[in-house]
Every structure is written in C-alpha cells, then in structure tokens.
C-alpha atoms as a PDB file:
ATOM      1  CA  MET A   1      19.765  94.012 -22.971  1.00  0.00           C
ATOM      2  CA  THR A   2      22.854  94.569 -24.229  1.00  0.00           C
ATOM      3  CA  LEU A   3      24.572  93.398 -20.682  1.00  0.00           C
ATOM      4  CA  ARG A   4      22.681  90.525 -20.996  1.00  0.00           C
ATOM      5  CA  VAL A   5      23.890  89.366 -24.129  1.00  0.00           C
ATOM      6  CA  ALA A   6      27.299  90.091 -23.513  1.00  0.00           C
ATOM      7  CA  VAL A   7      27.234  88.047 -19.961  1.00  0.00           C
ATOM      8  CA  CYS A   8      25.664  85.361 -21.993  1.00  0.00           C
ATOM      9  CA  ALA A   9      27.935  85.378 -24.921  1.00  0.00           C
ATOM     10  CA  LEU A  10      30.829  85.332 -22.019  1.00  0.00           C
ATOM     11  CA  TRP A  11      29.355  82.194 -20.632  1.00  0.00           C
ATOM     12  CA  VAL A  12      28.824  80.406 -23.820  1.00  0.00           C
ATOM     13  CA  THR A  13      32.481  81.124 -24.732  1.00  0.00           C
ATOM     14  CA  GLY A  14      33.827  80.133 -21.253  1.00  0.00           C
ATOM     15  CA  ALA A  15      31.477  76.735 -21.470  1.00  0.00           C
ATOM     16  CA  THR A  16      32.721  75.924 -24.848  1.00  0.00           C
ATOM     17  CA  LEU A  17      36.408  76.248 -24.047  1.00  0.00           C
ATOM     18  CA  MET A  18      35.836  74.088 -20.973  1.00  0.00           C
ATOM     19  CA  THR A  19      34.084  71.511 -23.145  1.00  0.00           C
ATOM     20  CA  ASP A  20      36.903  71.487 -25.632  1.00  0.00           C
ATOM     21  CA  ALA A  21      39.609  71.094 -22.747  1.00  0.00           C
ATOM     22  CA  LEU A  22      37.557  68.409 -21.415  1.00  0.00           C
ATOM     23  CA  ALA A  23      37.051  66.560 -24.549  1.00  0.00           C
ATOM     24  CA  MET A  24      40.630  66.341 -25.101  1.00  0.00           C
ATOM     25  CA  GLY A  25      41.265  63.348 -22.836  1.00  0.00           C
ATOM     26  CA  ALA A  26      43.588  62.490 -20.106  1.00  0.00           C
ATOM     27  CA  GLY A  27      46.810  63.541 -22.307  1.00  0.00           C
ATOM     28  CA  ASN A  28      45.257  66.820 -23.808  1.00  0.00           C
ATOM     29  CA  GLY A  29      45.548  65.486 -27.261  1.00  0.00           C
ATOM     30  CA  PRO A  30      47.781  66.730 -29.549  1.00  0.00           C
ATOM     31  CA  ALA A  31      47.318  70.366 -29.198  1.00  0.00           C
ATOM     32  CA  ALA A  32      49.103  70.639 -26.259  1.00  0.00           C
ATOM     33  CA  GLN A  33      52.610  69.604 -27.808  1.00  0.00           C
ATOM     34  CA  PRO A  34      54.937  71.954 -27.221  1.00  0.00           C
ATOM     35  CA  THR A  35      58.028  72.433 -29.486  1.00  0.00           C
ATOM     36  CA  ALA A  36      61.647  71.262 -28.658  1.00  0.00           C
ATOM     37  CA  GLY A  37      64.842  71.963 -30.226  1.00  0.00           C
ATOM     38  CA  VAL A  38      67.331  69.540 -31.750  1.00  0.00           C
ATOM     39  CA  GLU A  39      69.585  70.229 -28.750  1.00  0.00           C
ATOM     40  CA  ASP A  40      67.139  69.302 -26.104  1.00  0.00           C
ATOM     41  CA  ALA A  41      66.526  65.755 -28.077  1.00  0.00           C
ATOM     42  CA  ARG A  42      70.227  65.188 -28.073  1.00  0.00           C
ATOM     43  CA  LYS A  43      70.516  66.020 -24.514  1.00  0.00           C
ATOM     44  CA  GLY A  44      67.136  63.752 -23.955  1.00  0.00           C
ATOM     45  CA  GLU A  45      68.754  60.985 -25.887  1.00  0.00           C
ATOM     46  CA  GLU A  46      71.748  60.899 -23.280  1.00  0.00           C
ATOM     47  CA  LEU A  47      69.408  61.039 -20.669  1.00  0.00           C
ATOM     48  CA  PHE A  48      67.110  58.319 -21.895  1.00  0.00           C
ATOM     49  CA  GLY A  49      70.155  55.856 -22.491  1.00  0.00           C
ATOM     50  CA  ARG A  50      71.086  56.637 -18.736  1.00  0.00           C
ATOM     51  CA  ASN A  51      67.820  56.296 -17.091  1.00  0.00           C
ATOM     52  CA  CYS A  52      64.987  54.954 -19.137  1.00  0.00           C
ATOM     53  CA  GLN A  53      66.677  52.273 -21.675  1.00  0.00           C
ATOM     54  CA  GLN A  54      67.031  49.466 -19.145  1.00  0.00           C
ATOM     55  CA  CYS A  55      63.203  49.152 -18.877  1.00  0.00           C
ATOM     56  CA  HIS A  56      61.925  50.644 -22.030  1.00  0.00           C
ATOM     57  CA  ASN A  57      64.901  49.344 -24.185  1.00  0.00           C
ATOM     58  CA  SER A  58      67.028  51.242 -26.553  1.00  0.00           C
ATOM     59  CA  ARG A  59      65.360  53.924 -28.154  1.00  0.00           C
ATOM     60  CA  GLY A  60      62.017  53.659 -26.635  1.00  0.00           C
ATOM     61  CA  LYS A  61      61.240  50.377 -28.437  1.00  0.00           C
ATOM     62  CA  GLY A  62      59.809  48.585 -25.258  1.00  0.00           C
ATOM     63  CA  GLY A  63      60.892  45.925 -23.109  1.00  0.00           C
ATOM     64  CA  LYS A  64      60.003  45.425 -19.470  1.00  0.00           C
ATOM     65  CA  GLY A  65      58.183  48.831 -19.966  1.00  0.00           C
ATOM     66  CA  PRO A  66      56.021  49.691 -22.534  1.00  0.00           C
ATOM     67  CA  GLN A  67      57.353  51.109 -26.177  1.00  0.00           C
ATOM     68  CA  LEU A  68      57.238  54.939 -26.114  1.00  0.00           C
ATOM     69  CA  VAL A  69      57.536  55.675 -29.661  1.00  0.00           C
ATOM     70  CA  LYS A  70      54.379  54.380 -30.978  1.00  0.00           C
ATOM     71  CA  GLY A  71      50.535  54.547 -30.787  1.00  0.00           C
ATOM     72  CA  ALA A  72      49.545  57.038 -27.794  1.00  0.00           C
ATOM     73  CA  TRP A  73      52.936  57.813 -27.067  1.00  0.00           C
ATOM     74  CA  GLY A  74      53.986  58.918 -30.552  1.00  0.00           C
ATOM     75  CA  PRO A  75      53.361  62.147 -32.361  1.00  0.00           C
ATOM     76  CA  GLY A  76      49.614  62.952 -32.544  1.00  0.00           C
ATOM     77  CA  GLY A  77      48.870  60.091 -30.251  1.00  0.00           C
ATOM     78  CA  ALA A  78      46.607  60.728 -27.330  1.00  0.00           C
ATOM     79  CA  ASN A  79      49.404  61.543 -24.674  1.00  0.00           C
ATOM     80  CA  SER A  80      50.234  65.127 -24.519  1.00  0.00           C
ATOM     81  CA  ASP A  81      53.965  66.007 -23.669  1.00  0.00           C
ATOM     82  CA  ASP A  82      52.440  67.431 -20.300  1.00  0.00           C
ATOM     83  CA  TYR A  83      51.064  64.085 -19.652  1.00  0.00           C
ATOM     84  CA  MET A  84      54.152  62.477 -20.354  1.00  0.00           C
ATOM     85  CA  PHE A  85      55.730  64.736 -18.062  1.00  0.00           C
ATOM     86  CA  ARG A  86      53.789  63.782 -15.393  1.00  0.00           C
ATOM     87  CA  ILE A  87      54.247  60.200 -15.791  1.00  0.00           C
ATOM     88  CA  ILE A  88      57.946  60.678 -15.834  1.00  0.00           C
ATOM     89  CA  ALA A  89      57.874  62.851 -12.742  1.00  0.00           C
ATOM     90  CA  ASP A  90      55.430  61.112 -10.553  1.00  0.00           C
ATOM     91  CA  GLY A  91      55.470  57.535 -12.006  1.00  0.00           C
ATOM     92  CA  ARG A  92      52.615  55.256 -12.435  1.00  0.00           C
ATOM     93  CA  PRO A  93      50.922  53.566  -9.383  1.00  0.00           C
ATOM     94  CA  ASN A  94      50.685  49.936  -9.324  1.00  0.00           C
ATOM     95  CA  THR A  95      53.494  49.493 -11.823  1.00  0.00           C
ATOM     96  CA  GLN A  96      57.259  49.403 -11.796  1.00  0.00           C
ATOM     97  CA  MET A  97      57.525  52.996 -13.266  1.00  0.00           C
ATOM     98  CA  GLY A  98      58.528  55.075 -10.259  1.00  0.00           C
ATOM     99  CA  GLY A  99      59.030  58.971 -10.561  1.00  0.00           C
ATOM    100  CA  TRP A 100      61.900  60.426 -11.284  1.00  0.00           C
ATOM    101  CA  ARG A 101      61.181  64.029  -9.897  1.00  0.00           C
ATOM    102  CA  ASN A 102      63.608  63.597  -7.353  1.00  0.00           C
ATOM    103  CA  SER A 103      66.366  62.442  -9.836  1.00  0.00           C
ATOM    104  CA  LEU A 104      66.024  64.415 -12.728  1.00  0.00           C
ATOM    105  CA  SER A 105      65.159  68.376 -13.149  1.00  0.00           C
ATOM    106  CA  GLU A 106      62.104  69.415 -15.050  1.00  0.00           C
ATOM    107  CA  GLN A 107      64.144  70.516 -17.949  1.00  0.00           C
ATOM    108  CA  GLU A 108      65.739  67.063 -18.150  1.00  0.00           C
ATOM    109  CA  MET A 109      62.421  65.283 -18.024  1.00  0.00           C
ATOM    110  CA  ARG A 110      61.216  67.532 -20.983  1.00  0.00           C
ATOM    111  CA  GLN A 111      64.455  66.794 -23.038  1.00  0.00           C
ATOM    112  CA  ILE A 112      63.777  63.296 -22.567  1.00  0.00           C
ATOM    113  CA  ILE A 113      60.297  63.948 -23.892  1.00  0.00           C
ATOM    114  CA  ALA A 114      62.040  65.899 -26.911  1.00  0.00           C
ATOM    115  CA  PHE A 115      63.950  62.886 -27.405  1.00  0.00           C
ATOM    116  CA  LEU A 116      61.015  60.503 -27.739  1.00  0.00           C
ATOM    117  CA  ARG A 117      58.932  62.721 -29.765  1.00  0.00           C
ATOM    118  CA  GLU A 118      61.956  63.048 -32.540  1.00  0.00           C
ATOM    119  CA  GLU A 119      62.533  59.103 -32.011  1.00  0.00           C
ATOM    120  CA  SER A 120      58.930  58.452 -32.980  1.00  0.00           C
ATOM    121  CA  ARG A 121      58.920  60.692 -35.896  1.00  0.00           C
ATOM    122  CA  ARG A 122      61.881  58.776 -37.300  1.00  0.00           C
ATOM    123  CA  VAL A 123      60.354  55.504 -36.613  1.00  0.00           C
ATOM    124  CA  ALA A 124      56.975  56.640 -38.596  1.00  0.00           C
ATOM    125  CA  ILE A 125      58.974  57.744 -41.320  1.00  0.00           C
ATOM    126  CA  ALA A 126      60.825  54.579 -41.372  1.00  0.00           C
ATOM    127  CA  GLU A 127      57.683  52.257 -41.305  1.00  0.00           C
ATOM    128  CA  ARG A 128      56.076  54.463 -44.208  1.00  0.00           C
ATOM    129  CA  LYS A 129      59.140  54.127 -46.413  1.00  0.00           C
ATOM    130  CA  ALA A 130      59.108  50.431 -45.565  1.00  0.00           C
ATOM    131  CA  GLY A 131      55.533  50.297 -46.624  1.00  0.00           C
ATOM    132  CA  ASP A 132      56.354  52.295 -49.648  1.00  0.00           C
ATOM    133  CA  GLU A 133      58.842  49.642 -50.758  1.00  0.00           C
ATOM    134  CA  ASP A 134      56.466  46.733 -50.052  1.00  0.00           C
ATOM    135  CA  ASP A 135      53.939  48.454 -52.195  1.00  0.00           C
ATOM    136  CA  GLU A 136      56.310  48.844 -55.077  1.00  0.00           C
ATOM    137  CA  LEU A 137      57.374  45.307 -54.827  1.00  0.00           C
ATOM    138  CA  HIS A 138      53.738  44.312 -55.786  1.00  0.00           C
ATOM    139  CA  TRP A 139      53.790  46.191 -58.886  1.00  0.00           C
ATOM    140  CA  TYR A 140      56.617  44.313 -60.458  1.00  0.00           C
END
C-alpha cells in the first residue's frame, strides 16, 4: 500500500510541475529570467548599437523593428530571457528579423538581453517618475 501511495505522490508532483511549466506560456514567464551583471549589460549595449539599433532604434525604442523595452519584452513581461535568446539566435519567420546565431556568440546574445533588461528597468523608472510629477501638478 505504501508503494502505491509513493508512486501516486510522485505522479501528482510530476504532473503539477509539467502543468506549471506549460502554464507559463511561450516565453516561460518572468520566473525564467536569469540575472546578468552590469558588465554584461555594458557589453550588450555596445553589441546592440552595432547589430540591432538599425532596426530597433537606439536603446530598443522601436523603429523598423518592434520596441524591446516595454510590454512583453520588458521586465516581468511574458517573454523570458530564453525566449528572447531563441528569437535573436534563430530569427522570426516571415519577418525581417533574421537569426544571429552565425554572427554572434551565445555570450554576446545573452549580453544584448542583459542590456535590454537594464534599459527596460531604466525606462520603467523614468516613466513612473514622470507619472509622479504629473500627479503632483494636479495637487497645486
């Protein structure tokens, strides 16, 4: 009887983990965000400027390509770092976004993501601050 209970408990645990993983969606959600260092973000900024800026505008604000610092691409957005990595590495079918796997190393692509995450946080703080200033104007 105890063996049956143990097997059942393992099955339920595995099913729960699988369900949680599938529920996180295409980008695996915010839980999949690895932490990167400041030096990675600095290097990523340089790499972004050389390779990505022509389509995604300076600092990822968007241009010919989509913006990369808000919404699903921003911190806490639906797109995990691993999802972003796959897009950078392999590109997006039926778009102008080609894959960079043969031009950039894995480390360089991760550094670009680190830069975009840092820039996203900076943009969110700046927007929050601007919103606070607007709110203060209404009080006077």
